[in-house]
Amino acid sequence: QVQLLESGGGSVQPGGSLRLSCVASGRLQSIDIMGWYRQAPGGQREMVAVISYAGNTNYHDFVRGRFIISRNSAKDTIYLQTTNLREMDTAVYYCNAGRGISYPRYWGQGTQVTVSS
């Protein structure tokens, strides 16, 4: 099993920034991809950004150029640096992880991001 613990959510005004963190623990040899999904009230869970242990990244178009995903391998942690936040970015942000075609397999509990004036 792999455990994922997110932090860094909060409330900001439009145009603000937040940095989300996700620490992985447990059987880390069973994962080689980590990422962030989000779910807005009444909406479906959707991919935001993913990063492979090889360093490859992928972003959904609605965050490209505003969010950056990164990984600190020494700390088993990934980050999501968000900038120029919009009200449409309001959602619960979930960290996830997996290996190969089994991605995503493991999920964190989520952290709330609220963007409001």
Protein backbone atom coordinates (compact mmCIF):
# COMPACT_ATOMS: atom_id res chain seq x y z
CA GLN A 1 0.00 0.00 0.00
CA VAL A 2 0.94 3.61 -0.57
CA GLN A 3 -0.29 6.45 1.59
CA LEU A 4 -0.59 9.98 0.25
CA LEU A 5 -0.96 13.08 2.41
CA GLU A 6 -1.84 16.43 0.85
CA SER A 7 -1.41 19.88 2.35
CA GLY A 8 -1.36 23.50 1.26
CA GLY A 9 -4.97 24.17 0.33
CA GLY A 10 -6.79 27.29 1.45
CA SER A 11 -8.80 30.32 0.42
CA VAL A 12 -7.42 32.99 -1.89
CA GLN A 13 -8.70 35.82 -4.02
CA PRO A 14 -8.70 35.61 -7.83
CA GLY A 15 -5.18 36.09 -9.13
CA GLY A 16 -3.65 34.57 -6.02
CA SER A 17 -1.34 31.58 -5.63
CA LEU A 18 -1.06 28.45 -3.54
CA ARG A 19 1.45 25.63 -3.37
CA LEU A 20 0.02 22.18 -2.75
CA SER A 21 2.22 19.39 -1.43
CA CYS A 22 1.76 15.61 -1.36
CA VAL A 23 3.99 13.28 0.60
CA ALA A 24 4.05 9.60 -0.33
CA SER A 25 4.88 6.79 2.10
CA GLY A 26 4.67 3.01 2.19
CA ARG A 27 5.58 0.70 -0.73
CA LEU A 28 7.04 3.42 -2.88
CA GLN A 29 8.60 0.90 -5.26
CA SER A 30 5.06 0.25 -6.51
CA ILE A 31 4.63 3.74 -8.00
CA ASP A 32 6.32 5.63 -10.81
CA ILE A 33 3.70 8.25 -11.65
CA MET A 34 2.13 10.83 -9.34
CA GLY A 35 -0.33 13.56 -10.06
CA TRP A 36 -3.11 15.91 -9.07
CA TYR A 37 -6.78 15.63 -9.89
CA ARG A 38 -9.57 17.93 -8.77
CA GLN A 39 -13.29 17.77 -8.21
CA ALA A 40 -15.51 20.82 -8.09
CA PRO A 41 -18.91 20.77 -6.36
CA GLY A 42 -21.32 18.82 -8.52
CA GLY A 43 -18.58 18.01 -11.01
CA GLN A 44 -16.56 14.99 -12.00
CA ARG A 45 -13.02 14.33 -10.86
CA GLU A 46 -10.63 15.53 -13.57
CA MET A 47 -6.92 15.40 -14.21
CA VAL A 48 -4.96 18.58 -13.48
CA ALA A 49 -1.31 17.56 -13.87
CA VAL A 50 0.83 14.42 -13.69
CA ILE A 51 4.54 13.75 -13.42
CA SER A 52 6.46 10.56 -14.03
CA TYR A 53 9.53 9.56 -12.06
CA ALA A 54 11.43 10.08 -15.33
CA GLY A 55 10.41 13.73 -15.12
CA ASN A 56 7.81 13.82 -17.87
CA THR A 57 4.86 16.11 -17.16
CA ASN A 58 1.40 16.56 -18.59
CA TYR A 59 -1.19 19.25 -17.88
CA HIS A 60 -4.82 19.78 -18.61
CA ASP A 61 -5.34 22.70 -20.95
CA PHE A 62 -7.25 24.69 -18.34
CA VAL A 63 -4.15 24.98 -16.11
CA ARG A 64 -1.35 24.98 -18.67
CA GLY A 65 0.80 28.06 -18.16
CA ARG A 66 -0.64 28.74 -14.69
CA PHE A 67 0.20 25.61 -12.69
CA ILE A 68 3.50 23.75 -12.40
CA ILE A 69 3.92 20.21 -11.08
CA SER A 70 7.27 19.17 -9.66
CA ARG A 71 8.80 16.40 -7.59
CA ASN A 72 11.41 16.17 -4.87
CA SER A 73 12.55 12.57 -5.00
CA ALA A 74 14.59 12.87 -1.80
CA LYS A 75 11.44 13.79 0.12
CA ASP A 76 9.03 11.50 -1.79
CA THR A 77 6.96 14.61 -2.36
CA ILE A 78 5.27 16.26 -5.30
CA TYR A 79 4.12 19.85 -5.49
CA LEU A 80 1.57 21.80 -7.46
CA GLN A 81 2.44 25.46 -7.70
CA THR A 82 -0.68 27.32 -8.69
CA THR A 83 -0.69 30.93 -9.92
CA ASN A 84 -3.28 33.32 -11.32
CA LEU A 85 -6.02 31.31 -9.65
CA ARG A 86 -9.56 31.73 -10.95
CA GLU A 87 -12.90 31.05 -9.32
CA MET A 88 -13.29 28.06 -11.66
CA ASP A 89 -10.25 26.50 -9.94
CA THR A 90 -12.28 26.09 -6.74
CA ALA A 91 -12.31 22.38 -5.98
CA VAL A 92 -10.99 19.63 -3.77
CA TYR A 93 -7.54 18.73 -5.07
CA TYR A 94 -6.51 15.09 -4.77
CA CYS A 95 -3.02 13.65 -4.99
CA ASN A 96 -2.74 10.23 -6.61
CA ALA A 97 -0.11 7.70 -7.60
CA GLY A 98 0.38 4.47 -9.48
CA ARG A 99 2.61 2.50 -11.80
CA GLY A 100 2.21 2.21 -15.52
CA ILE A 101 -1.24 1.24 -16.73
CA SER A 102 -2.49 0.90 -13.15
CA TYR A 103 -2.23 4.68 -12.66
CA PRO A 104 -3.99 6.13 -10.79
CA ARG A 105 -4.28 3.50 -8.08
CA TYR A 106 -3.73 5.29 -4.78
CA TRP A 107 -5.50 8.45 -3.64
CA GLY A 108 -5.08 10.97 -0.88
CA GLN A 109 -7.93 12.47 1.14
CA GLY A 110 -7.86 15.76 -0.73
CA THR A 111 -7.26 19.40 0.14
CA GLN A 112 -9.75 22.19 -0.46
CA VAL A 113 -8.85 25.14 -2.68
CA THR A 114 -11.31 28.02 -2.70
CA VAL A 115 -10.90 31.02 -4.99
CA SER A 116 -13.31 33.82 -4.23
CA SER A 117 -13.44 37.57 -4.04
